[in-house]
C-alpha cells in the first residue's frame, strides 16, 4: 500500500488515471489494524487494476479534514479519475468491500 501524505497525495491520487482506494487510519486505532489485512488481500485481488494507498490521520490531519475522515476511522475513499466516487467507514466485510470496489470502478 502506498503511504500518502500531504506532499504526495495530489500527484499519486488526483493526477493518476488509475482508480484508487485510500484508507485513512490512525496507528492507535484497533479497527484500522483489523482492516489492514483485508485491504492487503483486496490489493492483491485488484493488482494492476486498482491502486491502494493509506493516510495516517495524525501525520496528515489536513487531508483527513479535507475528506471528512477525521471523525470516524478507518475511512475508505474510492477515487475515480482523481475525484471521490465512494466512501466506506468503519469495519467492512471483505466480500462487501470487494463488491463495492467492483460497482464503483465497474471494469474491475
Protein backbone atom coordinates (compact mmCIF):
# COMPACT_ATOMS: atom_id res chain seq x y z
CA UNK A 1 0.00 0.00 0.00
CA UNK A 2 1.36 3.38 -0.98
CA UNK A 3 1.97 5.68 2.00
CA UNK A 4 0.37 9.04 1.28
CA UNK A 5 0.96 12.42 2.88
CA UNK A 6 0.04 15.99 2.07
CA UNK A 7 3.20 16.16 -0.03
CA UNK A 8 2.47 13.30 -2.45
CA UNK A 9 -1.33 12.99 -2.30
CA UNK A 10 -2.08 15.24 -5.25
CA UNK A 11 0.47 13.56 -7.51
CA UNK A 12 -0.43 10.00 -6.52
CA UNK A 13 -4.22 10.34 -6.27
CA UNK A 14 -5.57 13.42 -8.01
CA UNK A 15 -3.36 13.24 -11.11
CA UNK A 16 -3.48 9.50 -11.74
CA UNK A 17 -5.68 7.73 -14.26
CA UNK A 18 -5.91 4.63 -12.04
CA UNK A 19 -8.82 4.13 -9.66
CA UNK A 20 -7.52 4.38 -6.09
CA UNK A 21 -8.75 3.20 -2.70
CA UNK A 22 -7.37 5.36 0.10
CA UNK A 23 -7.53 4.17 3.70
CA UNK A 24 -7.49 6.93 6.30
CA UNK A 25 -6.32 5.39 9.58
CA UNK A 26 -4.56 6.01 12.89
CA UNK A 27 -1.78 3.92 14.39
CA UNK A 28 -3.65 3.68 17.70
CA UNK A 29 -6.94 2.50 16.12
CA UNK A 30 -7.80 -1.20 16.68
CA UNK A 31 -10.45 -1.21 13.93
CA UNK A 32 -7.87 0.15 11.50
CA UNK A 33 -5.48 -2.65 12.46
CA UNK A 34 -8.27 -5.17 11.82
CA UNK A 35 -8.93 -3.74 8.35
CA UNK A 36 -5.29 -3.67 7.15
CA UNK A 37 -5.11 -7.41 6.33
CA UNK A 38 -8.43 -7.16 4.45
CA UNK A 39 -7.15 -4.22 2.44
CA UNK A 40 -3.93 -6.13 1.71
CA UNK A 41 -5.96 -9.04 0.32
CA UNK A 42 -8.04 -6.70 -1.83
CA UNK A 43 -4.87 -5.05 -3.08
CA UNK A 44 -3.67 -8.46 -4.29
CA UNK A 45 -7.02 -9.24 -5.96
CA UNK A 46 -7.09 -5.94 -7.82
CA UNK A 47 -3.37 -5.78 -8.68
CA UNK A 48 -2.81 -3.86 -11.90
CA UNK A 49 -6.37 -2.51 -11.90
CA UNK A 50 -6.78 -0.50 -8.69
CA UNK A 51 -4.14 1.25 -6.60
CA UNK A 52 -4.31 1.27 -2.80
CA UNK A 53 -2.94 3.97 -0.52
CA UNK A 54 -3.02 4.90 3.14
CA UNK A 55 -3.07 8.19 5.02
CA UNK A 56 -2.20 8.30 8.72
CA UNK A 57 -4.55 10.99 10.06
CA UNK A 58 -2.14 12.23 12.73
CA UNK A 59 0.55 12.75 10.14
CA UNK A 60 -1.74 14.37 7.55
CA UNK A 61 -4.58 15.89 9.57
CA UNK A 62 -5.28 18.38 6.77
CA UNK A 63 -6.08 15.58 4.31
CA UNK A 64 -8.26 13.80 6.86
CA UNK A 65 -10.21 17.00 7.48
CA UNK A 66 -10.49 17.79 3.76
CA UNK A 67 -12.07 14.40 3.09
CA UNK A 68 -14.15 14.09 6.27
CA UNK A 69 -12.04 11.22 7.52
CA UNK A 70 -11.25 12.78 10.87
CA UNK A 71 -14.45 11.81 12.70
CA UNK A 72 -14.64 8.04 12.10
CA UNK A 73 -11.77 5.76 11.22
CA UNK A 74 -11.00 3.78 9.32
CA UNK A 75 -12.46 5.70 6.41
CA UNK A 76 -12.02 4.47 2.86
CA UNK A 77 -12.42 6.86 -0.04
CA UNK A 78 -12.57 5.43 -3.55
CA UNK A 79 -11.18 7.86 -6.11
CA UNK A 80 -12.09 7.62 -9.77
CA UNK A 81 -10.36 9.98 -12.20
CA UNK A 82 -8.96 11.90 -9.23
CA UNK A 83 -12.33 12.57 -7.59
CA UNK A 84 -14.08 10.82 -4.70
CA UNK A 85 -16.57 8.30 -6.09
CA UNK A 86 -17.46 6.43 -2.92
CA UNK A 87 -16.91 6.37 0.83
CA UNK A 88 -16.92 3.48 3.30
CA UNK A 89 -16.41 3.88 7.05
CA UNK A 90 -15.66 1.52 9.91
CA UNK A 91 -15.27 -2.24 9.81
CA UNK A 92 -16.25 -3.69 6.42
CA UNK A 93 -16.60 -7.31 5.42
CA UNK A 94 -14.08 -8.24 2.71
CA UNK A 95 -16.75 -9.50 0.29
CA UNK A 96 -18.86 -6.37 0.74
CA UNK A 97 -15.77 -4.20 0.24
CA UNK A 98 -14.80 -6.12 -2.91
CA UNK A 99 -18.29 -5.79 -4.39
CA UNK A 100 -18.34 -2.06 -3.65
CA UNK A 101 -14.99 -1.60 -5.40
CA UNK A 102 -16.27 -3.50 -8.44
CA UNK A 103 -19.51 -1.50 -8.51
CA UNK A 104 -17.83 1.90 -8.26
CA UNK A 105 -14.93 1.14 -10.60
CA UNK A 106 -17.08 -1.05 -12.94
CA UNK A 107 -14.26 -2.55 -15.08
CA UNK A 108 -12.50 -4.33 -12.20
